[in-house]
Amino acid sequence: MGKGIFLLDAIYEPINQIKDKKLRRSRIIDVYPQLKKNINALPLEDKAKILLIHKNVIEAIGERLREDFRKYGYKFYDIGFPRFYNDEEFRFDIKRAIQN
């Protein structure tokens, strides 16, 4: 039996130091085929939950992920990265996504 919740990085290289937003977005989009392949290789249950944490990822490929994986019934949640230490809103968003 597969798993219902997975958290994985969309890109496996640091991009936070890249100041140019268009370049960061381009790097995320460039690795999308590998991310899609990695998700397809996971033993996910139908209607699995996938959490999108970083705003750059949500903006660059969030809609594409939803469209490409709609047929599986996966749910994608835009959580957003914690804004400060012990971010209560972030923790609430994670709990809500997992419980839904």
N, C-alpha and C. Protein backbone atom coordinates (compact mmCIF):
# COMPACT_ATOMS: atom_id res chain seq x y z
N MET A 1 0.84 -1.18 0.00
CA MET A 1 0.00 0.00 0.00
C MET A 1 0.88 1.24 0.00
N GLY A 2 0.49 2.24 -0.73
CA GLY A 2 1.26 3.48 -0.84
C GLY A 2 1.02 4.40 0.34
N LYS A 3 1.66 5.50 0.29
CA LYS A 3 1.55 6.51 1.34
C LYS A 3 0.64 7.63 0.88
N GLY A 4 0.05 8.31 1.84
CA GLY A 4 -0.90 9.36 1.52
C GLY A 4 -0.36 10.78 1.54
N ILE A 5 0.79 11.01 2.23
CA ILE A 5 1.34 12.35 2.31
C ILE A 5 2.84 12.28 2.05
N PHE A 6 3.30 13.14 1.14
CA PHE A 6 4.73 13.23 0.86
C PHE A 6 5.12 14.70 0.82
N LEU A 7 6.27 14.98 1.33
CA LEU A 7 6.85 16.31 1.25
C LEU A 7 8.20 16.14 0.56
N LEU A 8 8.37 16.78 -0.59
CA LEU A 8 9.63 16.68 -1.29
C LEU A 8 9.98 18.01 -1.90
N ASP A 9 11.26 18.20 -2.17
CA ASP A 9 11.72 19.42 -2.79
C ASP A 9 11.45 19.39 -4.28
N ALA A 10 11.10 20.53 -4.82
CA ALA A 10 10.88 20.64 -6.26
C ALA A 10 12.20 20.78 -7.00
N ILE A 11 13.21 21.24 -6.31
CA ILE A 11 14.52 21.46 -6.92
C ILE A 11 15.59 21.06 -5.91
N TYR A 12 16.62 20.43 -6.39
CA TYR A 12 17.64 19.86 -5.50
C TYR A 12 18.93 20.67 -5.49
N GLU A 13 18.82 21.95 -5.69
CA GLU A 13 19.97 22.84 -5.58
C GLU A 13 19.50 24.11 -4.90
N PRO A 14 20.38 24.76 -4.16
CA PRO A 14 19.96 25.99 -3.49
C PRO A 14 19.70 27.10 -4.50
N ILE A 15 18.55 27.75 -4.36
CA ILE A 15 18.24 28.86 -5.26
C ILE A 15 17.91 30.14 -4.50
N ASN A 16 17.91 30.07 -3.19
CA ASN A 16 17.57 31.25 -2.39
C ASN A 16 18.53 32.42 -2.60
N GLN A 17 19.78 32.10 -2.92
CA GLN A 17 20.77 33.16 -3.11
C GLN A 17 20.63 33.84 -4.46
N ILE A 18 19.81 33.29 -5.36
CA ILE A 18 19.61 33.90 -6.67
C ILE A 18 18.64 35.07 -6.50
N LYS A 19 19.13 36.27 -6.72
CA LYS A 19 18.32 37.48 -6.49
C LYS A 19 17.29 37.72 -7.59
N ASP A 20 17.61 37.30 -8.81
CA ASP A 20 16.72 37.52 -9.95
C ASP A 20 15.56 36.53 -9.90
N LYS A 21 14.36 37.04 -9.65
CA LYS A 21 13.18 36.18 -9.51
C LYS A 21 12.91 35.37 -10.77
N LYS A 22 13.11 35.96 -11.94
CA LYS A 22 12.89 35.25 -13.20
C LYS A 22 13.86 34.08 -13.35
N LEU A 23 15.09 34.27 -12.92
CA LEU A 23 16.08 33.18 -13.00
C LEU A 23 15.72 32.06 -12.02
N ARG A 24 15.29 32.41 -10.81
CA ARG A 24 14.86 31.37 -9.85
C ARG A 24 13.70 30.58 -10.44
N ARG A 25 12.73 31.28 -10.98
CA ARG A 25 11.56 30.63 -11.57
C ARG A 25 11.98 29.73 -12.73
N SER A 26 12.88 30.21 -13.54
CA SER A 26 13.38 29.43 -14.68
C SER A 26 14.06 28.13 -14.23
N ARG A 27 14.84 28.21 -13.16
CA ARG A 27 15.51 27.00 -12.64
C ARG A 27 14.49 25.98 -12.16
N ILE A 28 13.44 26.43 -11.51
CA ILE A 28 12.40 25.53 -11.03
C ILE A 28 11.68 24.88 -12.21
N ILE A 29 11.35 25.67 -13.21
CA ILE A 29 10.67 25.15 -14.39
C ILE A 29 11.56 24.17 -15.14
N ASP A 30 12.85 24.45 -15.21
CA ASP A 30 13.79 23.58 -15.92
C ASP A 30 13.85 22.17 -15.33
N VAL A 31 13.70 22.06 -14.01
CA VAL A 31 13.80 20.74 -13.38
C VAL A 31 12.43 20.07 -13.22
N TYR A 32 11.38 20.72 -13.69
CA TYR A 32 10.04 20.16 -13.56
C TYR A 32 9.91 18.75 -14.13
N PRO A 33 10.47 18.44 -15.32
CA PRO A 33 10.35 17.07 -15.82
C PRO A 33 10.90 16.02 -14.85
N GLN A 34 12.00 16.34 -14.16
CA GLN A 34 12.56 15.39 -13.19
C GLN A 34 11.66 15.27 -11.97
N LEU A 35 11.11 16.39 -11.52
CA LEU A 35 10.18 16.36 -10.38
C LEU A 35 8.97 15.50 -10.72
N LYS A 36 8.42 15.70 -11.90
CA LYS A 36 7.26 14.92 -12.34
C LYS A 36 7.59 13.42 -12.35
N LYS A 37 8.77 13.10 -12.84
CA LYS A 37 9.22 11.70 -12.86
C LYS A 37 9.36 11.16 -11.43
N ASN A 38 9.91 11.97 -10.53
CA ASN A 38 10.06 11.55 -9.13
C ASN A 38 8.72 11.31 -8.46
N ILE A 39 7.76 12.18 -8.73
CA ILE A 39 6.42 12.01 -8.14
C ILE A 39 5.77 10.75 -8.69
N ASN A 40 5.88 10.54 -9.99
CA ASN A 40 5.30 9.33 -10.60
C ASN A 40 5.91 8.05 -10.03
N ALA A 41 7.15 8.11 -9.57
CA ALA A 41 7.82 6.93 -9.03
C ALA A 41 7.45 6.64 -7.58
N LEU A 42 6.80 7.59 -6.91
CA LEU A 42 6.43 7.40 -5.51
C LEU A 42 5.23 6.46 -5.38
N PRO A 43 5.20 5.67 -4.31
CA PRO A 43 4.04 4.79 -4.08
C PRO A 43 2.90 5.55 -3.42
N LEU A 44 2.33 6.49 -4.15
CA LEU A 44 1.28 7.33 -3.58
C LEU A 44 -0.09 6.68 -3.68
N GLU A 45 -0.90 6.90 -2.67
CA GLU A 45 -2.29 6.46 -2.72
C GLU A 45 -3.07 7.38 -3.65
N ASP A 46 -4.21 6.90 -4.11
CA ASP A 46 -5.13 7.79 -4.80
C ASP A 46 -5.49 8.91 -3.83
N LYS A 47 -5.64 10.08 -4.33
CA LYS A 47 -5.97 11.25 -3.52
C LYS A 47 -4.90 11.57 -2.49
N ALA A 48 -3.65 11.28 -2.81
CA ALA A 48 -2.54 11.64 -1.91
C ALA A 48 -2.47 13.15 -1.78
N LYS A 49 -1.83 13.59 -0.72
CA LYS A 49 -1.66 15.01 -0.45
C LYS A 49 -0.21 15.38 -0.67
N ILE A 50 0.01 16.44 -1.41
CA ILE A 50 1.35 16.93 -1.67
C ILE A 50 1.38 18.39 -1.25
N LEU A 51 2.30 18.73 -0.36
CA LEU A 51 2.36 20.07 0.20
C LEU A 51 3.39 20.90 -0.55
N LEU A 52 2.98 22.06 -1.04
CA LEU A 52 3.88 23.00 -1.70
C LEU A 52 4.26 24.05 -0.67
N ILE A 53 5.53 24.08 -0.31
CA ILE A 53 5.96 24.91 0.80
C ILE A 53 6.49 26.27 0.35
N HIS A 54 7.30 26.31 -0.67
CA HIS A 54 7.98 27.55 -1.01
C HIS A 54 7.22 28.36 -2.05
N LYS A 55 7.08 29.64 -1.81
CA LYS A 55 6.34 30.53 -2.71
C LYS A 55 6.87 30.47 -4.14
N ASN A 56 8.21 30.38 -4.30
CA ASN A 56 8.78 30.30 -5.65
C ASN A 56 8.26 29.08 -6.40
N VAL A 57 8.12 27.97 -5.72
CA VAL A 57 7.63 26.74 -6.34
C VAL A 57 6.14 26.89 -6.66
N ILE A 58 5.39 27.41 -5.72
CA ILE A 58 3.96 27.59 -5.94
C ILE A 58 3.72 28.46 -7.17
N GLU A 59 4.44 29.56 -7.26
CA GLU A 59 4.27 30.47 -8.39
C GLU A 59 4.74 29.87 -9.71
N ALA A 60 5.85 29.14 -9.69
CA ALA A 60 6.44 28.64 -10.93
C ALA A 60 5.71 27.42 -11.49
N ILE A 61 5.33 26.48 -10.63
CA ILE A 61 4.80 25.21 -11.16
C ILE A 61 3.57 24.69 -10.45
N GLY A 62 3.00 25.46 -9.54
CA GLY A 62 1.84 24.98 -8.78
C GLY A 62 0.69 24.56 -9.67
N GLU A 63 0.29 25.40 -10.59
CA GLU A 63 -0.84 25.08 -11.48
C GLU A 63 -0.50 23.91 -12.40
N ARG A 64 0.73 23.87 -12.87
CA ARG A 64 1.16 22.77 -13.76
C ARG A 64 1.11 21.44 -13.02
N LEU A 65 1.55 21.42 -11.76
CA LEU A 65 1.46 20.20 -10.96
C LEU A 65 0.01 19.74 -10.83
N ARG A 66 -0.85 20.67 -10.49
CA ARG A 66 -2.27 20.32 -10.33
C ARG A 66 -2.85 19.75 -11.61
N GLU A 67 -2.53 20.37 -12.72
CA GLU A 67 -3.04 19.91 -14.01
C GLU A 67 -2.48 18.54 -14.39
N ASP A 68 -1.18 18.37 -14.25
CA ASP A 68 -0.54 17.11 -14.66
C ASP A 68 -0.94 15.93 -13.80
N PHE A 69 -1.30 16.17 -12.55
CA PHE A 69 -1.61 15.06 -11.64
C PHE A 69 -3.08 14.99 -11.26
N ARG A 70 -3.91 15.78 -11.90
CA ARG A 70 -5.35 15.79 -11.62
C ARG A 70 -5.97 14.40 -11.79
N LYS A 71 -5.54 13.68 -12.82
CA LYS A 71 -6.13 12.37 -13.11
C LYS A 71 -5.95 11.37 -11.97
N TYR A 72 -4.95 11.61 -11.10
CA TYR A 72 -4.72 10.72 -9.97
C TYR A 72 -5.52 11.14 -8.74
N GLY A 73 -6.08 12.32 -8.76
CA GLY A 73 -6.84 12.80 -7.62
C GLY A 73 -5.98 13.38 -6.52
N TYR A 74 -4.68 13.60 -6.80
CA TYR A 74 -3.79 14.16 -5.77
C TYR A 74 -4.25 15.57 -5.42
N LYS A 75 -4.07 15.93 -4.17
CA LYS A 75 -4.39 17.27 -3.70
C LYS A 75 -3.10 18.00 -3.38
N PHE A 76 -2.97 19.19 -3.92
CA PHE A 76 -1.81 20.03 -3.66
C PHE A 76 -2.22 21.19 -2.78
N TYR A 77 -1.46 21.43 -1.73
CA TYR A 77 -1.75 22.49 -0.78
C TYR A 77 -0.63 23.51 -0.81
N ASP A 78 -1.00 24.78 -0.99
CA ASP A 78 -0.04 25.88 -0.92
C ASP A 78 0.11 26.27 0.54
N ILE A 79 1.17 25.82 1.15
CA ILE A 79 1.38 26.07 2.57
C ILE A 79 2.15 27.36 2.79
N GLY A 80 3.15 27.61 1.99
CA GLY A 80 3.99 28.79 2.18
C GLY A 80 5.01 28.54 3.28
N PHE A 81 6.22 28.96 3.05
CA PHE A 81 7.31 28.71 3.99
C PHE A 81 7.07 29.50 5.28
N PRO A 82 7.52 28.95 6.41
CA PRO A 82 7.35 29.69 7.68
C PRO A 82 7.95 31.09 7.55
N ARG A 83 7.24 32.06 8.05
CA ARG A 83 7.68 33.44 7.94
C ARG A 83 8.57 33.85 9.11
N PHE A 84 8.47 33.17 10.21
CA PHE A 84 9.32 33.45 11.36
C PHE A 84 9.34 32.22 12.26
N TYR A 85 10.23 32.20 13.21
CA TYR A 85 10.38 31.07 14.12
C TYR A 85 9.05 30.77 14.81
N ASN A 86 8.71 29.49 14.85
CA ASN A 86 7.51 29.03 15.53
C ASN A 86 6.24 29.66 14.94
N ASP A 87 6.17 29.72 13.64
CA ASP A 87 5.06 30.35 12.92
C ASP A 87 3.79 29.53 13.11
N GLU A 88 2.85 30.06 13.89
CA GLU A 88 1.61 29.36 14.20
C GLU A 88 0.74 29.16 12.96
N GLU A 89 0.70 30.14 12.08
CA GLU A 89 -0.11 30.02 10.87
C GLU A 89 0.40 28.89 9.98
N PHE A 90 1.73 28.78 9.86
CA PHE A 90 2.34 27.71 9.08
C PHE A 90 1.96 26.35 9.68
N ARG A 91 2.08 26.22 10.98
CA ARG A 91 1.73 24.96 11.64
C ARG A 91 0.26 24.63 11.46
N PHE A 92 -0.60 25.63 11.54
CA PHE A 92 -2.03 25.43 11.34
C PHE A 92 -2.30 24.96 9.91
N ASP A 93 -1.65 25.59 8.92
CA ASP A 93 -1.85 25.22 7.52
C ASP A 93 -1.42 23.78 7.25
N ILE A 94 -0.31 23.36 7.84
CA ILE A 94 0.16 21.98 7.68
C ILE A 94 -0.85 21.02 8.29
N LYS A 95 -1.28 21.29 9.51
CA LYS A 95 -2.25 20.40 10.18
C LYS A 95 -3.55 20.32 9.39
N ARG A 96 -4.02 21.46 8.90
CA ARG A 96 -5.28 21.48 8.14
C ARG A 96 -5.15 20.66 6.85
N ALA A 97 -4.02 20.79 6.17
CA ALA A 97 -3.82 20.03 4.94
C ALA A 97 -3.78 18.52 5.21
N ILE A 98 -3.12 18.14 6.26
CA ILE A 98 -3.00 16.73 6.59
C ILE A 98 -4.35 16.15 7.03
N GLN A 99 -5.12 16.91 7.77
CA GLN A 99 -6.40 16.42 8.28
C GLN A 99 -7.50 16.39 7.22
N ASN A 100 -7.42 17.24 6.21
CA ASN A 100 -8.46 17.26 5.15
C ASN A 100 -8.41 16.02 4.31
